[in-house]
Protein backbone atom coordinates (compact mmCIF):
# COMPACT_ATOMS: atom_id res chain seq x y z
CA UNK A 1 95.52 96.45 77.33
CA UNK A 2 93.90 98.72 79.90
CA UNK A 3 90.86 100.53 78.75
CA UNK A 4 91.01 103.21 81.41
CA UNK A 5 94.17 105.23 82.00
CA UNK A 6 94.63 108.35 84.07
CA UNK A 7 95.47 111.56 82.29
CA UNK A 8 98.28 112.18 84.76
CA UNK A 9 101.54 110.56 83.78
CA UNK A 10 105.02 110.17 85.22
CA UNK A 11 108.28 109.27 83.57
CA UNK A 12 109.36 105.68 84.04
CA UNK A 13 113.11 105.26 83.56
CA UNK A 14 112.60 101.50 83.31
CA UNK A 15 110.22 101.83 80.37
CA UNK A 16 111.92 105.01 79.12
CA UNK A 17 108.63 106.77 78.55
CA UNK A 18 105.78 108.49 80.34
CA UNK A 19 103.24 106.10 81.83
CA UNK A 20 99.82 106.77 83.35
CA UNK A 21 99.72 106.94 87.14
CA UNK A 22 96.58 104.77 87.23
CA UNK A 23 95.25 102.05 84.92
CA UNK A 24 92.16 99.90 85.16
CA UNK A 25 91.87 96.73 83.14
CA UNK A 26 88.25 95.62 83.24
CA UNK A 27 89.05 92.24 81.65
CA UNK A 28 91.52 91.12 84.29
CA UNK A 29 89.84 93.23 87.01
CA UNK A 30 93.19 94.76 87.86
CA UNK A 31 94.11 98.26 88.98
CA UNK A 32 97.71 99.32 88.44
CA UNK A 33 99.33 102.33 90.07
CA UNK A 34 102.69 103.71 89.02
CA UNK A 35 104.31 105.17 92.11
CA UNK A 36 106.44 108.05 90.87
CA UNK A 37 108.33 108.27 94.18
CA UNK A 38 109.54 104.68 94.18
CA UNK A 39 109.47 104.26 90.40
CA UNK A 40 107.55 101.02 90.77
CA UNK A 41 104.20 99.64 89.69
CA UNK A 42 101.76 98.26 92.23
CA UNK A 43 98.85 96.14 91.05
CA UNK A 44 95.72 94.95 92.79
CA UNK A 45 93.53 92.28 91.24
CA UNK A 46 89.99 91.71 92.47
CA UNK A 47 88.71 88.14 92.50
CA UNK A 48 85.09 88.51 93.59
CA UNK A 49 82.54 87.93 90.90
CA UNK A 50 80.47 90.95 91.85
CA UNK A 51 83.37 93.37 91.31
CA UNK A 52 83.87 91.85 87.86
CA UNK A 53 80.13 92.14 87.13
CA UNK A 54 80.05 95.72 88.35
CA UNK A 55 83.05 96.77 86.26
CA UNK A 56 81.66 95.17 83.11
CA UNK A 57 78.25 96.73 83.74
CA UNK A 58 79.82 100.14 84.42
CA UNK A 59 82.04 99.84 81.37
CA UNK A 60 79.02 99.49 79.11
CA UNK A 61 76.54 101.76 80.93
CA UNK A 62 78.55 104.53 82.62
CA UNK A 63 82.17 104.58 81.40
CA UNK A 64 82.56 108.23 82.39
CA UNK A 65 82.21 107.29 86.06
CA UNK A 66 85.04 104.74 85.73
CA UNK A 67 87.15 107.22 83.79
CA UNK A 68 86.65 109.85 86.53
CA UNK A 69 87.52 107.39 89.33
CA UNK A 70 90.70 106.34 87.52
CA UNK A 71 91.69 109.95 86.76
CA UNK A 72 91.19 110.97 90.38
CA UNK A 73 93.11 107.94 91.68
CA UNK A 74 90.06 106.79 93.66
CA UNK A 75 89.33 103.54 91.85
CA UNK A 76 90.89 101.24 94.48
CA UNK A 77 89.04 102.97 97.31
CA UNK A 78 85.80 102.75 95.32
CA UNK A 79 86.20 99.03 94.57
CA UNK A 80 87.34 98.20 98.12
CA UNK A 81 84.30 100.03 99.54
CA UNK A 82 82.00 98.19 97.14
CA UNK A 83 83.53 94.82 98.05
CA UNK A 84 83.00 95.50 101.75
CA UNK A 85 79.46 96.89 101.41
CA UNK A 86 78.20 94.13 99.11
CA UNK A 87 79.68 91.40 101.32
CA UNK A 88 78.16 92.96 104.43
CA UNK A 89 74.74 93.36 102.78
CA UNK A 90 74.71 89.70 101.74
CA UNK A 91 75.78 88.60 105.23
CA UNK A 92 73.11 90.75 106.95
CA UNK A 93 70.35 89.41 104.70
CA UNK A 94 71.41 85.79 105.23
CA UNK A 95 71.50 86.31 109.00
CA UNK A 96 68.02 87.85 108.89
CA UNK A 97 66.62 84.86 107.01
CA UNK A 98 68.36 82.43 109.37
CA UNK A 99 66.61 84.07 112.31
CA UNK A 100 63.17 84.33 110.72
CA UNK A 101 62.79 81.27 108.46
CA UNK A 102 60.70 78.55 110.12
CA UNK A 103 62.24 75.70 108.07
CA UNK A 104 65.73 76.81 109.08
CA UNK A 105 64.73 77.03 112.75
CA UNK A 106 63.26 73.51 112.62
CA UNK A 107 66.43 72.17 110.99
CA UNK A 108 68.56 73.75 113.71
CA UNK A 109 66.35 72.33 116.47
CA UNK A 110 66.47 68.87 114.96
CA UNK A 111 70.22 69.09 114.28
CA UNK A 112 69.77 68.32 110.57
CA UNK A 113 73.18 69.54 109.33
CA UNK A 114 72.44 68.73 105.69
CA UNK A 115 69.20 70.72 105.74
CA UNK A 116 70.89 73.62 107.57
CA UNK A 117 73.70 73.79 105.02
CA UNK A 118 71.29 73.54 102.10
CA UNK A 119 69.13 76.36 103.43
CA UNK A 120 72.16 78.55 104.20
CA UNK A 121 73.41 78.08 100.62
CA UNK A 122 69.95 78.90 99.33
CA UNK A 123 69.86 82.05 101.47
CA UNK A 124 73.24 83.16 100.14
CA UNK A 125 72.14 82.80 96.52
CA UNK A 126 68.83 84.55 97.15
CA UNK A 127 70.61 87.38 98.98
CA UNK A 128 73.17 87.73 96.18
CA UNK A 129 70.39 88.08 93.63
CA UNK A 130 68.67 90.85 95.60
CA UNK A 131 71.87 92.65 96.60
CA UNK A 132 73.38 92.50 93.11
CA UNK A 133 70.29 94.13 91.66
CA UNK A 134 70.50 96.98 94.18
CA UNK A 135 74.25 97.41 94.59
CA UNK A 136 76.20 95.82 91.74
CA UNK A 137 74.24 96.67 88.64
CA UNK A 138 74.15 100.41 89.25
């Protein structure tokens, strides 16, 4: 069951009742939109862990923000923007470390593929930790 439903509704002949235009299910990380013009439901499910973390954090710390975004029909735009910004922030930080870390530079010069991959994975996890604190858990 969706926890967040828009106040606006439209009649669905298929269900023979009024349904909310927007629903957000924080458990399945799915946004559902009932298109009154086409009389069809369109769903979008997010599969990145940080969107799930953000929704669960927001659900417990600032549910009014989620309720407002669902009511205004802006929840998909909000989540898409977050997905893009978090991914870009992680990528930028990893690239910065790749250019400045002396161990990484030595591994590249020596052609040590295993060391390069290990350091890149380490950079990604370190960047995720920093970015999540600043961008996901807000």
